Amino acid sequence: MSNALHSATLVAQATTSPAAPAAAAAPAAAAAAAPALPQAASAVGEATQQAAGALQQSADALHSAAAALPAAPTPVAPIATPDMGFLHFVAQSDFVGKTLFIILILMSLVTWYLILVKAASNVAMRKRAADFLNKFWNASSLEQVENEIVTHGARDPFSHLASHAMHAQAHHNKFGATKLEESGSNSDFVTRTMRKVIDEETAKLENGLTVLASVGSTAPFVGLFGTVWGVYHALVGIGLSDGVTINRIAGPVGEALIMTGLGLAVAIPAVLAYNTFVRNNRVFLSRLDAFAHDLFAFLTTGQQVALSDGKVRALRRQHGGAQRGSE
C-alpha cells in the first residue's frame, strides 16, 4: 500500500513540473563528463605539440633545401635611361668632336653677325642714296650739288662718285696732267677716277660675302665629319661592350647625326643670305653704273638748260628738250 502511494506521488510531481527531471539530470551528466575533460585537454595539447613539431621539421627541411640551392642574384633596381641628346653627345665626345662643335658655333655666330650688320647697312645706304639722287637731279647747278656734298658729306656710293668725279674734273682743268696718273685728256682722267670709285664701292658692298660663301659651302662637310667621327667612336664603344642591343646602337649613332643637322643649320642661312646680298648688290651696282654714265656725260659734254616749263633737267633729259626747242 505504501509503495503504491509513493509511486502515485512521483507521477504527480512529474506531471506538475516536467523540467524537474531534466534539471535533476544535468548535474548528473556534468558530474559524469567531468573526469573526461583533463583527458581531452591533454589530447589537444599533445596534438598541438605534434603539429608544431611537424611544422618545425618542415621549416628545417625547407631551410636545408634553400641552403643547398645556389644563391640567387640580388635583384638590382632598373638602371635609369641616360639622357640622350645634343648636350649629352657634346659632353661624352672627345677633343676632336668638341673642336668641331666649337667651329660650327663660331661659324653660326659670324654668319648671323654679317647678316644683321650688312642688312642694316644696306637699308641705310639705299635710303641715303635715294635722298642724294633726289637732290642731285633737282639741283640747279653743280655748285649746289657740291655744296650739298660738303654740307652733309659723301655718305653713300652715289654722292661719293659724284664728289670724286667733280673734283677730278676741276683738278684736271686747273692743273692739267702734272702726274703720270693724270695723263690724257680731261675725260680720260674723269673716267679713270669714276671707275676707281666704282671699284671701291663694289669692294665695300662685297665685304663679308666671301665669309658667307665659305661658311655655306664648308659647314655641311664639317658637320658630316663630326658625324663620322662620332659614329666611329660609338661603334668602338659598342664593340667593347658585352651585349649589343638596339638601344646601344641607336643612342650613340643618333647623337652623332646631330652634328650633320648642326652643319646644315649653319650652312642654310649663310647660303640664303649670300644669294640675297649678291642679287641686291648686282641691282645696286647696275644703278650706280647707269648714274656714272649720266654723270660722265654731264661733266664732259654739256651744261644744264632751262626748258619751257621753267624746270631744270640733267643732260640725259636735255636731248628731248633740245629737240622740242629746235622743232
Protein backbone atom coordinates (compact mmCIF):
# COMPACT_ATOMS: atom_id res chain seq x y z
CA MET A 1 0.00 0.00 0.00
CA SER A 2 2.73 2.39 0.90
CA ASN A 3 4.57 1.55 -2.29
CA ALA A 4 1.61 2.46 -4.41
CA LEU A 5 1.20 5.76 -2.64
CA HIS A 6 4.85 6.56 -3.22
CA SER A 7 4.55 5.82 -6.93
CA ALA A 8 1.50 7.98 -7.25
CA THR A 9 3.29 10.86 -5.59
CA LEU A 10 6.17 10.62 -8.04
CA VAL A 11 3.80 10.52 -11.02
CA ALA A 12 2.02 13.59 -9.73
CA GLN A 13 5.29 15.51 -9.35
CA ALA A 14 6.36 14.55 -12.87
CA THR A 15 3.06 15.69 -14.22
CA THR A 16 3.08 19.07 -12.49
CA SER A 17 6.76 20.03 -13.24
CA PRO A 18 8.24 18.39 -16.38
CA ALA A 19 11.52 20.36 -16.25
CA ALA A 20 12.46 18.95 -12.92
CA PRO A 21 13.86 15.67 -14.21
CA ALA A 22 16.00 17.45 -16.82
CA ALA A 23 17.28 19.80 -14.20
CA ALA A 24 17.99 16.91 -11.98
CA ALA A 25 19.71 15.03 -14.83
CA ALA A 26 22.04 17.93 -15.83
CA PRO A 27 24.19 17.80 -12.71
CA ALA A 28 24.42 14.12 -13.13
CA ALA A 29 25.65 14.47 -16.75
CA ALA A 30 28.11 17.15 -15.77
CA ALA A 31 29.39 15.00 -13.00
CA ALA A 32 29.78 12.13 -15.43
CA ALA A 33 31.65 14.27 -18.03
CA ALA A 34 33.97 15.93 -15.53
CA PRO A 35 36.52 13.08 -15.40
CA ALA A 36 36.86 13.18 -19.24
CA LEU A 37 37.87 16.92 -19.52
CA PRO A 38 41.51 16.55 -18.39
CA GLN A 39 41.97 13.72 -20.80
CA ALA A 40 40.61 15.81 -23.72
CA ALA A 41 42.78 18.76 -22.78
CA SER A 42 45.87 16.62 -22.63
CA ALA A 43 44.99 15.12 -26.02
CA VAL A 44 44.61 18.59 -27.58
CA GLY A 45 47.95 19.65 -26.10
CA GLU A 46 49.68 16.60 -27.45
CA ALA A 47 48.15 17.19 -30.94
CA THR A 48 49.26 20.81 -30.87
CA GLN A 49 52.80 19.82 -29.91
CA GLN A 50 52.88 17.23 -32.66
CA ALA A 51 51.66 19.80 -35.25
CA ALA A 52 54.25 22.33 -34.08
CA GLY A 53 56.95 19.70 -34.32
CA ALA A 54 55.84 18.81 -37.85
CA LEU A 55 55.90 22.47 -38.86
CA GLN A 56 59.37 22.89 -37.36
CA GLN A 57 60.58 19.84 -39.24
CA SER A 58 59.11 21.23 -42.49
CA ALA A 59 60.75 24.60 -41.91
CA ASP A 60 64.10 22.89 -41.22
CA ALA A 61 63.75 20.86 -44.39
CA LEU A 62 62.95 23.97 -46.46
CA HIS A 63 65.88 25.83 -44.93
CA SER A 64 68.21 22.93 -45.73
CA ALA A 65 66.92 22.78 -49.31
CA ALA A 66 67.36 26.52 -49.74
CA ALA A 67 70.90 26.30 -48.39
CA ALA A 68 71.67 23.51 -50.85
CA LEU A 69 70.49 25.58 -53.84
CA PRO A 70 72.87 28.17 -55.42
CA ALA A 71 72.43 31.65 -54.14
CA ALA A 72 70.02 33.68 -56.30
CA PRO A 73 71.30 37.01 -57.60
CA THR A 74 70.28 40.01 -55.63
CA PRO A 75 67.58 41.92 -57.51
CA VAL A 76 69.03 45.10 -58.99
CA ALA A 77 66.98 48.23 -59.42
CA PRO A 78 66.39 49.14 -63.09
CA ILE A 79 69.06 51.44 -64.44
CA ALA A 80 67.77 54.83 -65.41
CA THR A 81 67.88 55.52 -69.12
CA PRO A 82 70.63 58.07 -69.87
CA ASP A 83 69.61 61.42 -71.22
CA MET A 84 70.23 61.09 -74.94
CA GLY A 85 70.52 64.48 -76.55
CA PHE A 86 72.73 67.10 -78.07
CA LEU A 87 74.39 68.21 -74.84
CA HIS A 88 74.97 64.59 -73.84
CA PHE A 89 76.71 63.96 -77.15
CA VAL A 90 78.93 67.02 -76.72
CA ALA A 91 79.75 66.05 -73.14
CA GLN A 92 80.80 62.50 -73.99
CA SER A 93 82.66 63.37 -77.22
CA ASP A 94 86.44 63.66 -77.36
CA PHE A 95 88.66 66.61 -78.21
CA VAL A 96 88.02 66.37 -81.96
CA GLY A 97 84.24 66.31 -81.51
CA LYS A 98 84.27 69.30 -79.15
CA THR A 99 86.55 71.22 -81.54
CA LEU A 100 84.20 70.62 -84.46
CA PHE A 101 81.27 71.72 -82.34
CA ILE A 102 83.03 74.95 -81.38
CA ILE A 103 83.93 75.60 -85.03
CA LEU A 104 80.29 75.23 -86.10
CA ILE A 105 79.12 77.52 -83.31
CA LEU A 106 81.66 80.19 -84.35
CA MET A 107 80.56 79.84 -87.97
CA SER A 108 76.96 80.37 -86.95
CA LEU A 109 77.79 83.45 -84.85
CA VAL A 110 79.85 85.02 -87.65
CA THR A 111 77.11 84.26 -90.18
CA TRP A 112 74.35 85.90 -88.19
CA TYR A 113 76.56 88.86 -87.32
CA LEU A 114 77.26 89.50 -91.00
CA ILE A 115 73.61 89.02 -91.91
CA LEU A 116 72.38 91.55 -89.36
CA VAL A 117 75.14 94.10 -89.94
CA LYS A 118 75.01 94.01 -93.73
CA ALA A 119 71.21 94.07 -93.82
CA ALA A 120 71.12 97.15 -91.60
CA SER A 121 73.91 98.91 -93.51
CA ASN A 122 72.33 98.15 -96.89
CA VAL A 123 68.97 99.55 -95.83
CA ALA A 124 70.59 102.75 -94.52
CA MET A 125 72.79 103.10 -97.62
CA ARG A 126 69.88 102.74 -100.02
CA LYS A 127 67.90 105.34 -98.11
CA ARG A 128 70.78 107.84 -98.20
CA ALA A 129 71.37 107.08 -101.90
CA ALA A 130 67.72 107.76 -102.73
CA ASP A 131 67.87 111.10 -100.88
CA PHE A 132 71.04 112.16 -102.71
CA LEU A 133 69.72 111.21 -106.16
CA ASN A 134 66.57 113.20 -105.49
CA LYS A 135 68.63 116.27 -104.53
CA PHE A 136 71.11 115.78 -107.38
CA TRP A 137 68.61 115.66 -110.22
CA ASN A 138 66.66 118.56 -108.76
CA ALA A 139 69.71 120.79 -108.22
CA SER A 140 70.11 123.89 -110.34
CA SER A 141 73.89 123.63 -110.80
CA LEU A 142 76.95 121.60 -109.98
CA GLU A 143 77.88 124.13 -107.33
CA GLN A 144 74.68 123.39 -105.48
CA VAL A 145 75.40 119.66 -105.63
CA GLU A 146 78.93 120.25 -104.43
CA ASN A 147 77.73 122.41 -101.55
CA GLU A 148 75.25 119.70 -100.61
CA ILE A 149 78.03 117.11 -100.52
CA VAL A 150 80.30 119.40 -98.48
CA THR A 151 77.49 120.10 -96.02
CA HIS A 152 76.24 116.57 -95.48
CA GLY A 153 79.25 114.57 -96.63
CA ALA A 154 79.51 111.69 -99.09
CA ARG A 155 77.59 109.06 -97.14
CA ASP A 156 76.58 106.76 -99.99
CA PRO A 157 78.15 105.42 -103.22
CA PHE A 158 76.31 107.91 -105.46
CA SER A 159 77.45 111.00 -103.56
CA HIS A 160 80.95 109.52 -103.26
CA LEU A 161 81.10 109.02 -107.01
CA ALA A 162 79.77 112.48 -107.79
CA SER A 163 82.17 114.14 -105.37
CA HIS A 164 85.25 112.44 -106.83
CA ALA A 165 84.15 112.99 -110.42
CA MET A 166 83.59 116.73 -109.94
CA HIS A 167 86.84 117.09 -108.04
CA ALA A 168 88.75 115.20 -110.77
CA GLN A 169 87.31 117.42 -113.50
CA ALA A 170 88.07 120.62 -111.60
CA HIS A 171 91.57 119.46 -110.72
CA HIS A 172 92.44 118.47 -114.29
CA ASN A 173 91.04 121.70 -115.70
CA LYS A 174 93.06 123.75 -113.24
CA PHE A 175 96.40 121.92 -113.08
CA GLY A 176 96.37 119.65 -116.13
CA ALA A 177 98.35 116.41 -116.30
CA THR A 178 101.01 117.05 -113.67
CA LYS A 179 101.49 113.35 -112.82
CA LEU A 180 101.50 110.13 -114.75
CA GLU A 181 98.17 109.03 -113.32
CA GLU A 182 96.66 112.29 -114.59
CA SER A 183 97.92 111.85 -118.15
CA GLY A 184 95.45 112.01 -121.00
CA SER A 185 92.50 114.24 -121.63
CA ASN A 186 90.09 115.52 -119.04
CA SER A 187 87.50 112.89 -119.95
CA ASP A 188 90.07 110.09 -119.60
CA PHE A 189 91.09 111.29 -116.17
CA VAL A 190 87.47 111.61 -115.05
CA THR A 191 86.70 108.14 -116.41
CA ARG A 192 89.60 106.55 -114.52
CA THR A 193 88.59 108.33 -111.34
CA MET A 194 84.99 107.23 -111.61
CA ARG A 195 86.00 103.65 -112.39
CA LYS A 196 88.25 103.62 -109.34
CA VAL A 197 85.41 104.85 -107.13
CA ILE A 198 83.04 102.23 -108.53
CA ASP A 199 85.59 99.50 -107.82
CA GLU A 200 85.98 100.74 -104.24
CA GLU A 201 82.22 100.78 -103.69
CA THR A 202 81.93 97.30 -105.20
CA ALA A 203 84.56 96.02 -102.79
CA LYS A 204 82.68 97.60 -99.87
CA LEU A 205 79.41 96.02 -100.94
CA GLU A 206 81.03 92.61 -101.32
CA ASN A 207 82.75 92.81 -97.94
CA GLY A 208 81.79 89.73 -95.90
CA LEU A 209 80.26 87.81 -98.80
CA THR A 210 83.35 85.61 -99.06
CA VAL A 211 82.87 84.55 -95.45
CA LEU A 212 79.20 83.74 -96.06
CA ALA A 213 80.08 81.72 -99.16
CA SER A 214 82.80 79.84 -97.29
CA VAL A 215 80.50 79.03 -94.37
CA GLY A 216 77.70 77.93 -96.68
CA SER A 217 79.98 75.59 -98.61
CA THR A 218 82.04 74.12 -95.75
CA ALA A 219 79.64 73.90 -92.78
CA PRO A 220 77.80 70.78 -94.06
CA PHE A 221 81.11 68.96 -94.52
CA VAL A 222 82.32 69.98 -91.07
CA GLY A 223 79.10 68.60 -89.60
CA LEU A 224 79.43 65.43 -91.68
CA PHE A 225 82.98 64.90 -90.44
CA GLY A 226 81.72 65.28 -86.87
CA THR A 227 79.04 62.68 -87.56
CA VAL A 228 81.54 60.20 -88.99
CA TRP A 229 83.85 60.74 -86.04
CA GLY A 230 81.02 60.29 -83.55
CA VAL A 231 79.71 57.14 -85.24
CA TYR A 232 83.21 55.68 -85.27
CA HIS A 233 83.65 56.14 -81.54
CA ALA A 234 80.10 54.90 -80.88
CA LEU A 235 80.76 51.68 -82.79
CA VAL A 236 84.06 51.19 -80.98
CA GLY A 237 82.28 51.53 -77.64
CA ILE A 238 79.57 49.11 -78.73
CA GLY A 239 82.17 46.58 -79.85
CA LEU A 240 83.90 46.70 -76.45
CA SER A 241 80.65 46.18 -74.53
CA ASP A 242 79.29 42.75 -73.52
CA GLY A 243 75.96 42.78 -75.34
CA VAL A 244 74.64 44.60 -78.37
CA THR A 245 71.07 45.85 -78.39
CA ILE A 246 69.18 48.33 -80.50
CA ASN A 247 69.34 50.86 -77.64
CA ARG A 248 73.12 50.69 -77.53
CA ILE A 249 73.31 51.36 -81.27
CA ALA A 250 70.50 53.87 -81.78
CA GLY A 251 71.53 56.21 -78.97
CA PRO A 252 75.16 56.97 -79.88
CA VAL A 253 74.54 56.92 -83.64
CA GLY A 254 71.55 59.22 -83.28
CA GLU A 255 73.60 61.62 -81.19
CA ALA A 256 76.36 61.62 -83.79
CA LEU A 257 73.88 62.55 -86.52
CA ILE A 258 73.18 65.76 -84.63
CA MET A 259 76.45 67.14 -86.00
CA THR A 260 75.14 66.82 -89.55
CA GLY A 261 71.98 68.67 -88.57
CA LEU A 262 74.04 71.39 -86.91
CA GLY A 263 76.16 71.78 -90.03
CA LEU A 264 73.05 72.20 -92.17
CA ALA A 265 71.58 74.67 -89.69
CA VAL A 266 74.73 76.79 -90.04
CA ALA A 267 75.04 76.47 -93.82
CA ILE A 268 71.45 77.18 -94.92
CA PRO A 269 71.21 80.75 -93.51
CA ALA A 270 74.66 81.54 -94.91
CA VAL A 271 73.74 80.37 -98.42
CA LEU A 272 70.40 82.21 -98.43
CA ALA A 273 71.99 85.41 -97.15
CA TYR A 274 74.81 85.18 -99.69
CA ASN A 275 72.39 84.82 -102.61
CA THR A 276 70.24 87.69 -101.34
CA PHE A 277 73.16 90.07 -100.86
CA VAL A 278 74.70 89.19 -104.24
CA ARG A 279 71.44 89.87 -106.02
CA ASN A 280 70.88 93.18 -104.18
CA ASN A 281 74.46 94.27 -104.88
CA ARG A 282 74.12 93.46 -108.55
CA VAL A 283 70.99 95.61 -108.83
CA PHE A 284 72.54 98.43 -106.82
CA LEU A 285 75.78 98.42 -108.84
CA SER A 286 73.84 98.49 -112.10
CA ARG A 287 72.10 101.64 -110.89
CA LEU A 288 75.44 103.10 -109.85
CA ASP A 289 76.93 102.31 -113.25
CA ALA A 290 74.00 103.97 -115.02
CA PHE A 291 74.40 107.04 -112.83
CA ALA A 292 78.12 107.08 -113.65
CA HIS A 293 77.35 107.19 -117.39
CA ASP A 294 74.91 110.06 -116.93
CA LEU A 295 77.29 111.93 -114.65
CA PHE A 296 80.21 111.46 -117.05
CA ALA A 297 78.18 112.75 -119.97
CA PHE A 298 77.00 115.70 -117.93
CA LEU A 299 80.50 116.61 -116.72
CA THR A 300 82.30 116.28 -120.06
CA THR A 301 79.83 117.33 -122.74
CA GLY A 302 77.13 119.64 -121.57
CA GLN A 303 75.51 122.04 -119.15
CA GLN A 304 72.02 122.15 -117.86
CA VAL A 305 69.49 124.14 -119.89
CA ALA A 306 66.17 125.66 -118.91
CA LEU A 307 63.15 124.17 -120.61
CA SER A 308 59.91 125.91 -121.45
CA ASP A 309 58.30 124.74 -118.20
CA GLY A 310 60.95 126.60 -116.20
CA LYS A 311 62.39 123.46 -114.66
CA VAL A 312 65.98 122.32 -114.91
CA ARG A 313 66.88 118.82 -116.13
CA ALA A 314 70.11 116.90 -116.49
CA LEU A 315 71.81 116.11 -119.78
CA ARG A 316 70.03 112.78 -120.28
CA ARG A 317 66.79 114.77 -120.40
CA GLN A 318 68.19 117.68 -122.41
CA HIS A 319 68.07 115.87 -125.72
CA GLY A 320 64.32 115.69 -125.70
CA GLY A 321 64.08 119.31 -124.65
CA ALA A 322 66.59 120.41 -127.29
CA GLN A 323 64.70 118.53 -129.95
CA ARG A 324 61.45 120.07 -128.85
CA GLY A 325 63.09 123.54 -128.86
CA SER A 326 64.53 123.02 -132.33
CA GLU A 327 61.17 121.92 -133.68
